[in-house]
Amino acid sequence: MARITAQFNISLKQLSAEAGVTPSTASRILNNRPGYSFSDETVRKVMAVAKRSGYRPNQLYRSVFTGATMSVGLIINMDDFNDAIARGAHDQLLENNYATLLGLNQIDFDRPDDSQEIKIIHRLLEHRVDGFIIRPTLDNADNQHFQEIINRELPLIAVDRRVKAPYADYVGSDDDAGGRLAAAYLTDLGHHNIVQFPGNLACSSLRDRAAGFEAEILKRGGTLQTLLMQCDEEVTAKAGIVFSRPQLPTAVFCGNDMIASLIYDILAERRLRVPEDISVLGYGNQGLSNFLRPRLTTIDQQPYQLGRQAAAMLLRRIADNQAPYTHGQTYLAPVKLLERDSCRALK
């Protein structure tokens, strides 16, 4: 019998014939199925032929019988933070032999129907993914938004942003604790006249960190002004007013590092120095935070670990076959403060 060399379309039948075993034996060895025992020599022969021939199992064919495609739909928008979430989820899934099908979404609070997210969900469902990890664009999405996922009883993990749908599990940072950590850091430095630029509070993670920050500042007897905004233009306009007053705040807390970057620019335009005139504290530890000058002190959410945790939770749901379920689980990852150069202690 001719030896099989590397090829792209070798069948299980061809592989098993070359190894001198039955197709069922080859399948059980290649898939490491529990409950079966084979001699070391048999396993060695099957694996040697598989390696030499470049054999890859036909997952689509297998899914006809198992109902599982060993693939997961990941819907996320891409920036430094979300890229780390995606890498964490991908690595965790790959280590467990799952493929990741990526759908790139956009953040747009002006589109409440968010048709793009729904369109991506539909396309991934057509590929028969075994579950979903979604960084939602809208926190107010309810069961109706995810109805087809629910109808098919597939696990759904929301990461970084909560959704109203009680069916969804949630993996995110402990943003309330992160806000309190930021408040404690600034007040310990002697700051008690503080302005907060929390970002768009339609986003649950921004709401949580803003609420934690405010509660801790008030608990410690500080004075806080929170400026609400929907977009970057509002940040610029309101910051311009605050930093033009005779009595300046001594510190600014920003709901994310992008807002902190805008504050840097506005302060520079007014010839105000960071941190000599005003201390600035960010949130998120995005890539730009380490390149701002002075380097931005910020709260690290460890997004890579968020991605791994989201994937691990999804895999547990798949393994336990727990769907459908009425109330999702919640995992809150700890955050930590990264002290750099943008905050100073008051005399």
C-alpha atoms as a PDB file:
ATOM      1  CA  MET A   1       0.000   0.000   0.000  1.00  0.00           C
ATOM      2  CA  ALA A   2       1.312   3.428  -0.959  1.00  0.00           C
ATOM      3  CA  ARG A   3       2.119   5.711   1.866  1.00  0.00           C
ATOM      4  CA  ILE A   4      -0.065   8.808   2.159  1.00  0.00           C
ATOM      5  CA  THR A   5       1.843  12.074   1.905  1.00  0.00           C
ATOM      6  CA  ALA A   6       0.640  15.455   3.048  1.00  0.00           C
ATOM      7  CA  GLN A   7      -2.577  16.508   1.299  1.00  0.00           C
ATOM      8  CA  PHE A   8      -5.585  18.652   2.059  1.00  0.00           C
ATOM      9  CA  ASN A   9      -8.421  16.195   1.401  1.00  0.00           C
ATOM     10  CA  ILE A  10      -7.396  12.960   3.061  1.00  0.00           C
ATOM     11  CA  SER A  11     -10.400  11.152   4.498  1.00  0.00           C
ATOM     12  CA  LEU A  12     -10.706   9.335   7.802  1.00  0.00           C
ATOM     13  CA  LYS A  13     -11.156   6.118   5.833  1.00  0.00           C
ATOM     14  CA  GLN A  14      -7.837   6.634   4.024  1.00  0.00           C
ATOM     15  CA  LEU A  15      -6.062   7.497   7.253  1.00  0.00           C
ATOM     16  CA  SER A  16      -7.369   4.462   9.099  1.00  0.00           C
ATOM     17  CA  ALA A  17      -6.409   2.142   6.213  1.00  0.00           C
ATOM     18  CA  GLU A  18      -2.854   3.500   6.238  1.00  0.00           C
ATOM     19  CA  ALA A  19      -2.637   3.021  10.020  1.00  0.00           C
ATOM     20  CA  GLY A  20      -4.142  -0.470   9.841  1.00  0.00           C
ATOM     21  CA  VAL A  21      -7.130   0.258  12.106  1.00  0.00           C
ATOM     22  CA  THR A  22     -10.855   0.712  11.656  1.00  0.00           C
ATOM     23  CA  PRO A  23     -12.269   4.207  10.968  1.00  0.00           C
ATOM     24  CA  SER A  24     -14.074   4.157  14.330  1.00  0.00           C
ATOM     25  CA  THR A  25     -10.819   3.398  16.160  1.00  0.00           C
ATOM     26  CA  ALA A  26      -9.003   6.174  14.309  1.00  0.00           C
ATOM     27  CA  SER A  27     -11.820   8.613  15.085  1.00  0.00           C
ATOM     28  CA  ARG A  28     -11.796   7.783  18.800  1.00  0.00           C
ATOM     29  CA  ILE A  29      -8.031   8.198  19.027  1.00  0.00           C
ATOM     30  CA  LEU A  30      -7.934  11.452  17.071  1.00  0.00           C
ATOM     31  CA  ASN A  31     -10.751  12.949  19.113  1.00  0.00           C
ATOM     32  CA  ASN A  32      -9.478  11.580  22.443  1.00  0.00           C
ATOM     33  CA  ARG A  33     -12.911  10.243  23.264  1.00  0.00           C
ATOM     34  CA  PRO A  34     -13.308   9.059  26.857  1.00  0.00           C
ATOM     35  CA  GLY A  35     -14.242   5.480  27.717  1.00  0.00           C
ATOM     36  CA  TYR A  36     -11.903   3.801  25.208  1.00  0.00           C
ATOM     37  CA  SER A  37      -8.440   2.311  25.693  1.00  0.00           C
ATOM     38  CA  PHE A  38      -5.936   1.555  22.936  1.00  0.00           C
ATOM     39  CA  SER A  39      -2.384   0.287  22.958  1.00  0.00           C
ATOM     40  CA  ASP A  40       0.426   2.796  22.777  1.00  0.00           C
ATOM     41  CA  GLU A  41       1.510   1.299  19.456  1.00  0.00           C
ATOM     42  CA  THR A  42      -1.957   1.784  17.916  1.00  0.00           C
ATOM     43  CA  VAL A  43      -2.167   5.373  19.105  1.00  0.00           C
ATOM     44  CA  ARG A  44       1.345   6.051  17.804  1.00  0.00           C
ATOM     45  CA  LYS A  45       0.539   4.681  14.325  1.00  0.00           C
ATOM     46  CA  VAL A  46      -2.693   6.677  14.001  1.00  0.00           C
ATOM     47  CA  MET A  47      -1.118   9.919  15.178  1.00  0.00           C
ATOM     48  CA  ALA A  48       1.939   9.407  12.943  1.00  0.00           C
ATOM     49  CA  VAL A  49      -0.223   8.989   9.835  1.00  0.00           C
ATOM     50  CA  ALA A  50      -2.347  12.004  10.826  1.00  0.00           C
ATOM     51  CA  LYS A  51       0.764  14.170  11.239  1.00  0.00           C
ATOM     52  CA  ARG A  52       2.446  12.962   8.040  1.00  0.00           C
ATOM     53  CA  SER A  53      -0.672  13.350   5.915  1.00  0.00           C
ATOM     54  CA  GLY A  54      -1.767  16.694   7.332  1.00  0.00           C
ATOM     55  CA  TYR A  55      -5.139  15.216   8.300  1.00  0.00           C
ATOM     56  CA  ARG A  56      -7.747  17.636   9.648  1.00  0.00           C
ATOM     57  CA  PRO A  57     -11.173  16.424  10.795  1.00  0.00           C
ATOM     58  CA  ASN A  58     -14.177  17.698   8.834  1.00  0.00           C
ATOM     59  CA  GLN A  59     -15.909  19.715  11.532  1.00  0.00           C
ATOM     60  CA  LEU A  60     -18.902  20.478   9.312  1.00  0.00           C
ATOM     61  CA  TYR A  61     -19.446  16.751   8.730  1.00  0.00           C
ATOM     62  CA  ARG A  62     -19.051  16.051  12.449  1.00  0.00           C
ATOM     63  CA  SER A  63     -21.510  18.791  13.376  1.00  0.00           C
ATOM     64  CA  VAL A  64     -24.275  17.009  11.446  1.00  0.00           C
ATOM     65  CA  PHE A  65     -24.120  14.239  14.050  1.00  0.00           C
ATOM     66  CA  THR A  66     -23.095  16.161  17.180  1.00  0.00           C
ATOM     67  CA  GLY A  67     -24.935  19.457  16.627  1.00  0.00           C
ATOM     68  CA  ALA A  68     -21.740  21.312  17.679  1.00  0.00           C
ATOM     69  CA  THR A  69     -19.506  23.273  15.305  1.00  0.00           C
ATOM     70  CA  MET A  70     -16.761  23.995  17.863  1.00  0.00           C
ATOM     71  CA  SER A  71     -17.001  27.670  16.941  1.00  0.00           C
ATOM     72  CA  VAL A  72     -18.005  30.782  18.902  1.00  0.00           C
ATOM     73  CA  GLY A  73     -19.279  34.120  17.652  1.00  0.00           C
ATOM     74  CA  LEU A  74     -17.388  37.117  19.066  1.00  0.00           C
ATOM     75  CA  ILE A  75     -19.001  40.513  18.370  1.00  0.00           C
ATOM     76  CA  ILE A  76     -16.892  43.475  19.377  1.00  0.00           C
ATOM     77  CA  ASN A  77     -15.615  46.846  18.160  1.00  0.00           C
ATOM     78  CA  MET A  78     -11.878  47.262  17.861  1.00  0.00           C
ATOM     79  CA  ASP A  79      -9.669  49.634  19.812  1.00  0.00           C
ATOM     80  CA  ASP A  80      -6.837  49.037  22.293  1.00  0.00           C
ATOM     81  CA  PHE A  81      -9.177  47.941  25.060  1.00  0.00           C
ATOM     82  CA  ASN A  82     -11.446  45.720  22.992  1.00  0.00           C
ATOM     83  CA  ASP A  83      -8.536  44.266  21.048  1.00  0.00           C
ATOM     84  CA  ALA A  84      -7.181  42.921  24.354  1.00  0.00           C
ATOM     85  CA  ILE A  85     -10.606  41.462  25.222  1.00  0.00           C
ATOM     86  CA  ALA A  86     -10.748  39.773  21.807  1.00  0.00           C
ATOM     87  CA  ARG A  87      -7.226  38.329  22.182  1.00  0.00           C
ATOM     88  CA  GLY A  88      -8.053  36.953  25.620  1.00  0.00           C
ATOM     89  CA  ALA A  89     -11.262  35.303  24.418  1.00  0.00           C
ATOM     90  CA  HIS A  90      -9.544  33.942  21.299  1.00  0.00           C
ATOM     91  CA  ASP A  91      -6.653  32.435  23.261  1.00  0.00           C
ATOM     92  CA  GLN A  92      -8.946  30.774  25.798  1.00  0.00           C
ATOM     93  CA  LEU A  93     -11.149  29.347  23.052  1.00  0.00           C
ATOM     94  CA  LEU A  94      -8.198  28.143  20.962  1.00  0.00           C
ATOM     95  CA  GLU A  95      -6.720  26.334  23.960  1.00  0.00           C
ATOM     96  CA  ASN A  96     -10.018  24.445  24.141  1.00  0.00           C
ATOM     97  CA  ASN A  97     -10.079  23.662  20.399  1.00  0.00           C
ATOM     98  CA  TYR A  98     -12.739  26.239  19.496  1.00  0.00           C
ATOM     99  CA  ALA A  99     -12.580  28.550  16.499  1.00  0.00           C
ATOM    100  CA  THR A 100     -13.516  32.229  16.881  1.00  0.00           C
ATOM    101  CA  LEU A 101     -15.737  33.873  14.276  1.00  0.00           C
ATOM    102  CA  LEU A 102     -15.305  37.627  14.625  1.00  0.00           C
ATOM    103  CA  GLY A 103     -17.973  40.229  13.935  1.00  0.00           C
ATOM    104  CA  LEU A 104     -16.758  43.838  14.047  1.00  0.00           C
ATOM    105  CA  ASN A 105     -19.344  46.191  15.480  1.00  0.00           C
ATOM    106  CA  GLN A 106     -19.477  49.938  15.940  1.00  0.00           C
ATOM    107  CA  ILE A 107     -20.318  52.017  18.997  1.00  0.00           C
ATOM    108  CA  ASP A 108     -23.173  54.317  18.087  1.00  0.00           C
ATOM    109  CA  PHE A 109     -25.486  55.593  20.802  1.00  0.00           C
ATOM    110  CA  ASP A 110     -27.480  57.504  18.163  1.00  0.00           C
ATOM    111  CA  ARG A 111     -28.802  54.280  16.608  1.00  0.00           C
ATOM    112  CA  PRO A 112     -31.087  52.716  19.212  1.00  0.00           C
ATOM    113  CA  ASP A 113     -32.202  49.927  16.869  1.00  0.00           C
ATOM    114  CA  ASP A 114     -28.521  49.082  16.218  1.00  0.00           C
ATOM    115  CA  SER A 115     -29.270  47.123  13.062  1.00  0.00           C
ATOM    116  CA  GLN A 116     -25.604  46.285  12.455  1.00  0.00           C
ATOM    117  CA  GLU A 117     -25.296  44.274  15.661  1.00  0.00           C
ATOM    118  CA  ILE A 118     -28.464  42.340  14.870  1.00  0.00           C
ATOM    119  CA  LYS A 119     -27.244  41.722  11.313  1.00  0.00           C
ATOM    120  CA  ILE A 120     -23.966  40.264  12.625  1.00  0.00           C
ATOM    121  CA  ILE A 121     -25.875  38.030  15.056  1.00  0.00           C
ATOM    122  CA  HIS A 122     -27.962  36.668  12.189  1.00  0.00           C
ATOM    123  CA  ARG A 123     -24.910  35.939  10.025  1.00  0.00           C
ATOM    124  CA  LEU A 124     -23.150  34.095  12.846  1.00  0.00           C
ATOM    125  CA  LEU A 125     -26.272  32.076  13.589  1.00  0.00           C
ATOM    126  CA  GLU A 126     -26.266  30.970   9.959  1.00  0.00           C
ATOM    127  CA  HIS A 127     -22.779  29.562  10.611  1.00  0.00           C
ATOM    128  CA  ARG A 128     -24.219  27.562  13.537  1.00  0.00           C
ATOM    129  CA  VAL A 129     -21.899  28.908  16.228  1.00  0.00           C
ATOM    130  CA  ASP A 130     -22.171  27.200  19.611  1.00  0.00           C
ATOM    131  CA  GLY A 131     -22.473  30.437  21.595  1.00  0.00           C
ATOM    132  CA  PHE A 132     -21.866  34.178  21.650  1.00  0.00           C
ATOM    133  CA  ILE A 133     -19.547  36.629  23.394  1.00  0.00           C
ATOM    134  CA  ILE A 134     -20.746  40.182  22.777  1.00  0.00           C
ATOM    135  CA  ARG A 135     -19.436  43.555  23.849  1.00  0.00           C
ATOM    136  CA  PRO A 136     -22.809  45.283  23.395  1.00  0.00           C
ATOM    137  CA  THR A 137     -23.104  48.676  21.759  1.00  0.00           C
ATOM    138  CA  LEU A 138     -26.190  49.445  23.847  1.00  0.00           C
ATOM    139  CA  ASP A 139     -26.798  48.663  27.508  1.00  0.00           C
ATOM    140  CA  ASN A 140     -30.564  48.791  27.133  1.00  0.00           C
ATOM    141  CA  ALA A 141     -30.745  45.830  24.746  1.00  0.00           C
ATOM    142  CA  ASP A 142     -33.311  43.388  26.130  1.00  0.00           C
ATOM    143  CA  ASN A 143     -34.335  39.830  25.334  1.00  0.00           C
ATOM    144  CA  GLN A 144     -35.997  40.952  22.105  1.00  0.00           C
ATOM    145  CA  HIS A 145     -32.629  42.134  20.789  1.00  0.00           C
ATOM    146  CA  PHE A 146     -31.173  38.648  21.330  1.00  0.00           C
ATOM    147  CA  GLN A 147     -34.355  36.695  20.625  1.00  0.00           C
ATOM    148  CA  GLU A 148     -32.910  34.375  17.988  1.00  0.00           C
ATOM    149  CA  ILE A 149     -30.007  33.436  20.278  1.00  0.00           C
ATOM    150  CA  ILE A 150     -32.497  32.705  23.056  1.00  0.00           C
ATOM    151  CA  ASN A 151     -34.789  30.726  20.752  1.00  0.00           C
ATOM    152  CA  ARG A 152     -31.877  28.465  19.840  1.00  0.00           C
ATOM    153  CA  GLU A 153     -30.921  28.120  23.515  1.00  0.00           C
ATOM    154  CA  LEU A 154     -27.339  29.235  22.916  1.00  0.00           C
ATOM    155  CA  PRO A 155     -25.144  30.672  25.701  1.00  0.00           C
ATOM    156  CA  LEU A 156     -24.724  34.449  25.589  1.00  0.00           C
ATOM    157  CA  ILE A 157     -21.985  36.331  27.458  1.00  0.00           C
ATOM    158  CA  ALA A 158     -22.038  40.139  27.618  1.00  0.00           C
ATOM    159  CA  VAL A 159     -18.581  41.532  28.342  1.00  0.00           C
ATOM    160  CA  ASP A 160     -17.702  44.990  29.758  1.00  0.00           C
ATOM    161  CA  ARG A 161     -21.276  46.274  29.344  1.00  0.00           C
ATOM    162  CA  ARG A 162     -24.374  44.891  30.985  1.00  0.00           C
ATOM    163  CA  VAL A 163     -27.576  44.319  29.047  1.00  0.00           C
ATOM    164  CA  LYS A 164     -31.141  44.231  30.315  1.00  0.00           C
ATOM    165  CA  ALA A 165     -31.673  40.724  28.999  1.00  0.00           C
ATOM    166  CA  PRO A 166     -31.744  38.517  32.136  1.00  0.00           C
ATOM    167  CA  TYR A 167     -30.791  35.551  29.954  1.00  0.00           C
ATOM    168  CA  ALA A 168     -27.251  36.891  29.398  1.00  0.00           C
ATOM    169  CA  ASP A 169     -24.249  36.174  31.606  1.00  0.00           C
ATOM    170  CA  TYR A 170     -21.993  39.137  32.346  1.00  0.00           C
ATOM    171  CA  VAL A 171     -18.221  39.474  32.638  1.00  0.00           C
ATOM    172  CA  GLY A 172     -16.842  42.911  33.462  1.00  0.00           C
ATOM    173  CA  SER A 173     -14.548  44.949  35.668  1.00  0.00           C
ATOM    174  CA  ASP A 174     -15.561  45.868  39.194  1.00  0.00           C
ATOM    175  CA  ASP A 175     -16.093  49.459  38.089  1.00  0.00           C
ATOM    176  CA  ASP A 176     -17.790  50.595  41.286  1.00  0.00           C
ATOM    177  CA  ALA A 177     -14.678  49.494  43.173  1.00  0.00           C
ATOM    178  CA  GLY A 178     -12.522  51.135  40.490  1.00  0.00           C
ATOM    179  CA  GLY A 179     -14.297  54.462  40.968  1.00  0.00           C
ATOM    180  CA  ARG A 180     -13.853  54.214  44.726  1.00  0.00           C
ATOM    181  CA  LEU A 181     -10.182  53.356  44.275  1.00  0.00           C
ATOM    182  CA  ALA A 182      -9.712  56.469  42.140  1.00  0.00           C
ATOM    183  CA  ALA A 183     -11.478  58.645  44.719  1.00  0.00           C
ATOM    184  CA  ALA A 184      -9.420  57.248  47.587  1.00  0.00           C
ATOM    185  CA  TYR A 185      -6.189  57.853  45.671  1.00  0.00           C
ATOM    186  CA  LEU A 186      -6.971  61.493  44.934  1.00  0.00           C
ATOM    187  CA  THR A 187      -8.224  62.332  48.409  1.00  0.00           C
ATOM    188  CA  ASP A 188      -5.226  60.621  49.987  1.00  0.00           C
ATOM    189  CA  LEU A 189      -3.098  63.008  47.915  1.00  0.00           C
ATOM    190  CA  GLY A 190      -4.992  65.892  49.491  1.00  0.00           C
ATOM    191  CA  HIS A 191      -7.423  66.698  46.667  1.00  0.00           C
ATOM    192  CA  HIS A 192     -10.898  67.721  47.794  1.00  0.00           C
ATOM    193  CA  ASN A 193     -12.024  70.063  45.003  1.00  0.00           C
ATOM    194  CA  ILE A 194     -12.495  67.639  42.127  1.00  0.00           C
ATOM    195  CA  VAL A 195     -14.267  67.621  38.759  1.00  0.00           C
ATOM    196  CA  GLN A 196     -15.460  64.382  37.196  1.00  0.00           C
ATOM    197  CA  PHE A 197     -15.878  63.860  33.440  1.00  0.00           C
ATOM    198  CA  PRO A 198     -17.593  60.434  33.521  1.00  0.00           C
ATOM    199  CA  GLY A 199     -18.405  60.023  29.825  1.00  0.00           C
ATOM    200  CA  ASN A 200     -21.737  58.896  28.423  1.00  0.00           C
ATOM    201  CA  LEU A 201     -23.726  57.457  31.336  1.00  0.00           C
ATOM    202  CA  ALA A 202     -25.894  55.473  28.935  1.00  0.00           C
ATOM    203  CA  CYS A 203     -23.018  52.978  29.276  1.00  0.00           C
ATOM    204  CA  SER A 204     -23.300  50.780  32.389  1.00  0.00           C
ATOM    205  CA  SER A 205     -19.555  50.501  33.046  1.00  0.00           C
ATOM    206  CA  LEU A 206     -19.187  54.298  32.976  1.00  0.00           C
ATOM    207  CA  ARG A 207     -22.211  54.650  35.267  1.00  0.00           C
ATOM    208  CA  ASP A 208     -20.768  52.209  37.784  1.00  0.00           C
ATOM    209  CA  ARG A 209     -17.362  53.861  38.022  1.00  0.00           C
ATOM    210  CA  ALA A 210     -18.925  57.356  38.227  1.00  0.00           C
ATOM    211  CA  ALA A 211     -21.264  56.238  41.018  1.00  0.00           C
ATOM    212  CA  GLY A 212     -18.438  54.595  42.970  1.00  0.00           C
ATOM    213  CA  PHE A 213     -16.239  57.665  42.576  1.00  0.00           C
ATOM    214  CA  GLU A 214     -18.966  60.062  43.734  1.00  0.00           C
ATOM    215  CA  ALA A 215     -19.937  57.919  46.719  1.00  0.00           C
ATOM    216  CA  GLU A 216     -16.338  57.676  47.954  1.00  0.00           C
ATOM    217  CA  ILE A 217     -15.600  61.388  47.446  1.00  0.00           C
ATOM    218  CA  LEU A 218     -18.695  62.385  49.429  1.00  0.00           C
ATOM    219  CA  LYS A 219     -17.885  59.818  52.106  1.00  0.00           C
ATOM    220  CA  ARG A 220     -14.474  61.443  52.509  1.00  0.00           C
ATOM    221  CA  GLY A 221     -15.870  64.963  52.698  1.00  0.00           C
ATOM    222  CA  GLY A 222     -14.690  66.153  49.302  1.00  0.00           C
ATOM    223  CA  THR A 223     -16.366  68.562  46.907  1.00  0.00           C
ATOM    224  CA  LEU A 224     -17.283  67.070  43.535  1.00  0.00           C
ATOM    225  CA  GLN A 225     -18.704  68.488  40.351  1.00  0.00           C
ATOM    226  CA  THR A 226     -19.806  65.912  37.770  1.00  0.00           C
ATOM    227  CA  LEU A 227     -20.123  67.182  34.199  1.00  0.00           C
ATOM    228  CA  LEU A 228     -22.363  65.033  32.017  1.00  0.00           C
ATOM    229  CA  MET A 229     -21.714  64.734  28.312  1.00  0.00           C
ATOM    230  CA  GLN A 230     -22.772  62.687  25.311  1.00  0.00           C
ATOM    231  CA  CYS A 231     -19.814  63.284  22.981  1.00  0.00           C
ATOM    232  CA  ASP A 232     -16.269  64.663  22.720  1.00  0.00           C
ATOM    233  CA  GLU A 233     -17.545  68.074  21.675  1.00  0.00           C
ATOM    234  CA  GLU A 234     -19.430  68.409  24.956  1.00  0.00           C
ATOM    235  CA  VAL A 235     -16.313  67.437  26.900  1.00  0.00           C
ATOM    236  CA  THR A 236     -14.381  70.194  25.157  1.00  0.00           C
ATOM    237  CA  ALA A 237     -17.100  72.803  25.688  1.00  0.00           C
ATOM    238  CA  LYS A 238     -17.731  72.073  29.364  1.00  0.00           C
ATOM    239  CA  ALA A 239     -14.058  71.658  30.216  1.00  0.00           C
ATOM    240  CA  GLY A 240     -13.361  75.012  28.583  1.00  0.00           C
ATOM    241  CA  ILE A 241     -15.840  76.669  30.965  1.00  0.00           C
ATOM    242  CA  VAL A 242     -14.508  74.916  34.086  1.00  0.00           C
ATOM    243  CA  PHE A 243     -10.869  75.695  33.347  1.00  0.00           C
ATOM    244  CA  SER A 244     -11.626  79.348  32.624  1.00  0.00           C
ATOM    245  CA  ARG A 245     -12.942  80.043  36.118  1.00  0.00           C
ATOM    246  CA  PRO A 246     -10.829  81.877  38.707  1.00  0.00           C
ATOM    247  CA  GLN A 247     -11.213  78.998  41.168  1.00  0.00           C
ATOM    248  CA  LEU A 248      -9.824  75.890  39.478  1.00  0.00           C
ATOM    249  CA  PRO A 249     -10.323  72.317  40.659  1.00  0.00           C
ATOM    250  CA  THR A 250      -7.155  70.673  41.914  1.00  0.00           C
ATOM    251  CA  ALA A 251      -7.884  67.340  40.226  1.00  0.00           C
ATOM    252  CA  VAL A 252      -9.917  65.805  37.397  1.00  0.00           C
ATOM    253  CA  PHE A 253     -11.188  62.232  37.206  1.00  0.00           C
ATOM    254  CA  CYS A 254     -12.035  60.929  33.725  1.00  0.00           C
ATOM    255  CA  GLY A 255     -14.314  58.001  32.940  1.00  0.00           C
ATOM    256  CA  ASN A 256     -11.804  56.692  30.396  1.00  0.00           C
ATOM    257  CA  ASP A 257      -8.354  57.493  29.062  1.00  0.00           C
ATOM    258  CA  MET A 258      -9.673  59.022  25.830  1.00  0.00           C
ATOM    259  CA  ILE A 259     -11.452  61.709  27.863  1.00  0.00           C
ATOM    260  CA  ALA A 260      -8.239  62.246  29.838  1.00  0.00           C
ATOM    261  CA  SER A 261      -6.388  62.818  26.548  1.00  0.00           C
ATOM    262  CA  LEU A 262      -8.916  65.520  25.612  1.00  0.00           C
ATOM    263  CA  ILE A 263      -8.456  67.141  29.030  1.00  0.00           C
ATOM    264  CA  TYR A 264      -4.687  67.227  28.460  1.00  0.00           C
ATOM    265  CA  ASP A 265      -5.229  69.129  25.214  1.00  0.00           C
ATOM    266  CA  ILE A 266      -7.657  71.613  26.776  1.00  0.00           C
ATOM    267  CA  LEU A 267      -5.350  72.301  29.711  1.00  0.00           C
ATOM    268  CA  ALA A 268      -2.390  72.807  27.370  1.00  0.00           C
ATOM    269  CA  GLU A 269      -4.378  75.355  25.366  1.00  0.00           C
ATOM    270  CA  ARG A 270      -4.902  77.324  28.573  1.00  0.00           C
ATOM    271  CA  ARG A 271      -1.265  76.969  29.615  1.00  0.00           C
ATOM    272  CA  LEU A 272      -2.234  74.874  32.615  1.00  0.00           C
ATOM    273  CA  ARG A 273       0.235  72.172  33.565  1.00  0.00           C
ATOM    274  CA  VAL A 274      -0.360  68.531  34.521  1.00  0.00           C
ATOM    275  CA  PRO A 275       0.082  67.830  37.395  1.00  0.00           C
ATOM    276  CA  GLU A 276       1.554  71.100  38.715  1.00  0.00           C
ATOM    277  CA  ASP A 277      -1.695  73.043  38.209  1.00  0.00           C
ATOM    278  CA  ILE A 278      -4.259  70.229  37.912  1.00  0.00           C
ATOM    279  CA  SER A 279      -3.895  66.505  38.511  1.00  0.00           C
ATOM    280  CA  VAL A 280      -5.558  64.171  35.986  1.00  0.00           C
ATOM    281  CA  LEU A 281      -6.597  60.562  36.645  1.00  0.00           C
ATOM    282  CA  GLY A 282      -7.801  58.316  33.835  1.00  0.00           C
ATOM    283  CA  TYR A 283      -9.479  54.921  33.615  1.00  0.00           C
ATOM    284  CA  GLY A 284      -8.850  51.890  31.425  1.00  0.00           C
ATOM    285  CA  ASN A 285      -5.081  51.828  30.873  1.00  0.00           C
ATOM    286  CA  GLN A 286      -5.520  52.162  27.128  1.00  0.00           C
ATOM    287  CA  GLY A 287      -2.401  52.235  24.992  1.00  0.00           C
ATOM    288  CA  LEU A 288      -2.309  56.011  24.755  1.00  0.00           C
ATOM    289  CA  SER A 289      -2.152  56.420  28.559  1.00  0.00           C
ATOM    290  CA  ASN A 290       1.530  55.485  28.680  1.00  0.00           C
ATOM    291  CA  PHE A 291       2.413  57.821  25.796  1.00  0.00           C
ATOM    292  CA  LEU A 292       0.779  60.984  27.095  1.00  0.00           C
ATOM    293  CA  ARG A 293       3.202  63.437  28.680  1.00  0.00           C
ATOM    294  CA  PRO A 294       3.233  63.375  31.591  1.00  0.00           C
ATOM    295  CA  ARG A 295       2.350  59.689  31.610  1.00  0.00           C
ATOM    296  CA  LEU A 296      -1.245  59.198  32.732  1.00  0.00           C
ATOM    297  CA  THR A 297      -2.071  57.654  36.096  1.00  0.00           C
ATOM    298  CA  THR A 298      -5.003  55.351  35.414  1.00  0.00           C
ATOM    299  CA  ILE A 299      -7.069  52.375  36.539  1.00  0.00           C
ATOM    300  CA  ASP A 300      -6.161  49.105  34.815  1.00  0.00           C
ATOM    301  CA  GLN A 301      -9.162  46.907  33.932  1.00  0.00           C
ATOM    302  CA  GLN A 302      -6.990  44.016  32.661  1.00  0.00           C
ATOM    303  CA  PRO A 303      -9.068  43.497  29.482  1.00  0.00           C
ATOM    304  CA  TYR A 304      -7.113  40.453  28.305  1.00  0.00           C
ATOM    305  CA  GLN A 305      -8.219  38.617  31.444  1.00  0.00           C
ATOM    306  CA  LEU A 306     -11.791  39.825  30.871  1.00  0.00           C
ATOM    307  CA  GLY A 307     -11.724  38.130  27.483  1.00  0.00           C
ATOM    308  CA  ARG A 308     -10.382  34.894  28.924  1.00  0.00           C
ATOM    309  CA  GLN A 309     -12.986  34.924  31.688  1.00  0.00           C
ATOM    310  CA  ALA A 310     -15.796  35.540  29.202  1.00  0.00           C
ATOM    311  CA  ALA A 311     -14.643  32.609  27.075  1.00  0.00           C
ATOM    312  CA  ALA A 312     -14.215  30.362  30.130  1.00  0.00           C
ATOM    313  CA  MET A 313     -17.753  31.165  31.284  1.00  0.00           C
ATOM    314  CA  LEU A 314     -19.099  30.409  27.814  1.00  0.00           C
ATOM    315  CA  LEU A 315     -17.264  27.092  27.650  1.00  0.00           C
ATOM    316  CA  ARG A 316     -18.715  26.106  31.029  1.00  0.00           C
ATOM    317  CA  ARG A 317     -22.200  26.888  29.761  1.00  0.00           C
ATOM    318  CA  ILE A 318     -21.592  24.762  26.666  1.00  0.00           C
ATOM    319  CA  ALA A 319     -20.129  21.864  28.649  1.00  0.00           C
ATOM    320  CA  ASP A 320     -22.897  21.899  31.251  1.00  0.00           C
ATOM    321  CA  ASN A 321     -25.616  22.379  28.624  1.00  0.00           C
ATOM    322  CA  GLN A 322     -27.223  24.889  31.009  1.00  0.00           C
ATOM    323  CA  ALA A 323     -29.234  26.881  28.485  1.00  0.00           C
ATOM    324  CA  PRO A 324     -32.006  27.873  28.638  1.00  0.00           C
ATOM    325  CA  TYR A 325     -31.642  29.746  31.921  1.00  0.00           C
ATOM    326  CA  THR A 326     -33.636  32.636  33.284  1.00  0.00           C
ATOM    327  CA  HIS A 327     -30.969  34.524  35.218  1.00  0.00           C
ATOM    328  CA  GLY A 328     -27.411  34.947  34.034  1.00  0.00           C
ATOM    329  CA  GLN A 329     -24.311  34.759  36.164  1.00  0.00           C
ATOM    330  CA  THR A 330     -22.000  37.712  36.878  1.00  0.00           C
ATOM    331  CA  TYR A 331     -18.221  37.814  37.181  1.00  0.00           C
ATOM    332  CA  LEU A 332     -16.529  41.061  38.235  1.00  0.00           C
ATOM    333  CA  ALA A 333     -12.778  41.202  37.712  1.00  0.00           C
ATOM    334  CA  PRO A 334     -10.637  43.206  40.147  1.00  0.00           C
ATOM    335  CA  VAL A 335      -9.026  46.437  38.959  1.00  0.00           C
ATOM    336  CA  LYS A 336      -5.782  48.089  40.024  1.00  0.00           C
ATOM    337  CA  LEU A 337      -4.362  51.597  40.023  1.00  0.00           C
ATOM    338  CA  LEU A 338      -1.290  52.302  37.895  1.00  0.00           C
ATOM    339  CA  GLU A 339       0.529  55.255  39.413  1.00  0.00           C
ATOM    340  CA  ARG A 340       2.469  57.270  36.865  1.00  0.00           C
ATOM    341  CA  ASP A 341       3.115  61.005  36.617  1.00  0.00           C
ATOM    342  CA  SER A 342      -0.174  62.887  36.157  1.00  0.00           C
ATOM    343  CA  CYS A 343      -1.206  63.318  39.799  1.00  0.00           C
ATOM    344  CA  ARG A 344       0.627  65.127  42.585  1.00  0.00           C
ATOM    345  CA  ALA A 345       0.227  65.384  46.327  1.00  0.00           C
ATOM    346  CA  LEU A 346      -0.895  68.759  47.625  1.00  0.00           C
ATOM    347  CA  LYS A 347       1.230  70.402  50.282  1.00  0.00           C
END
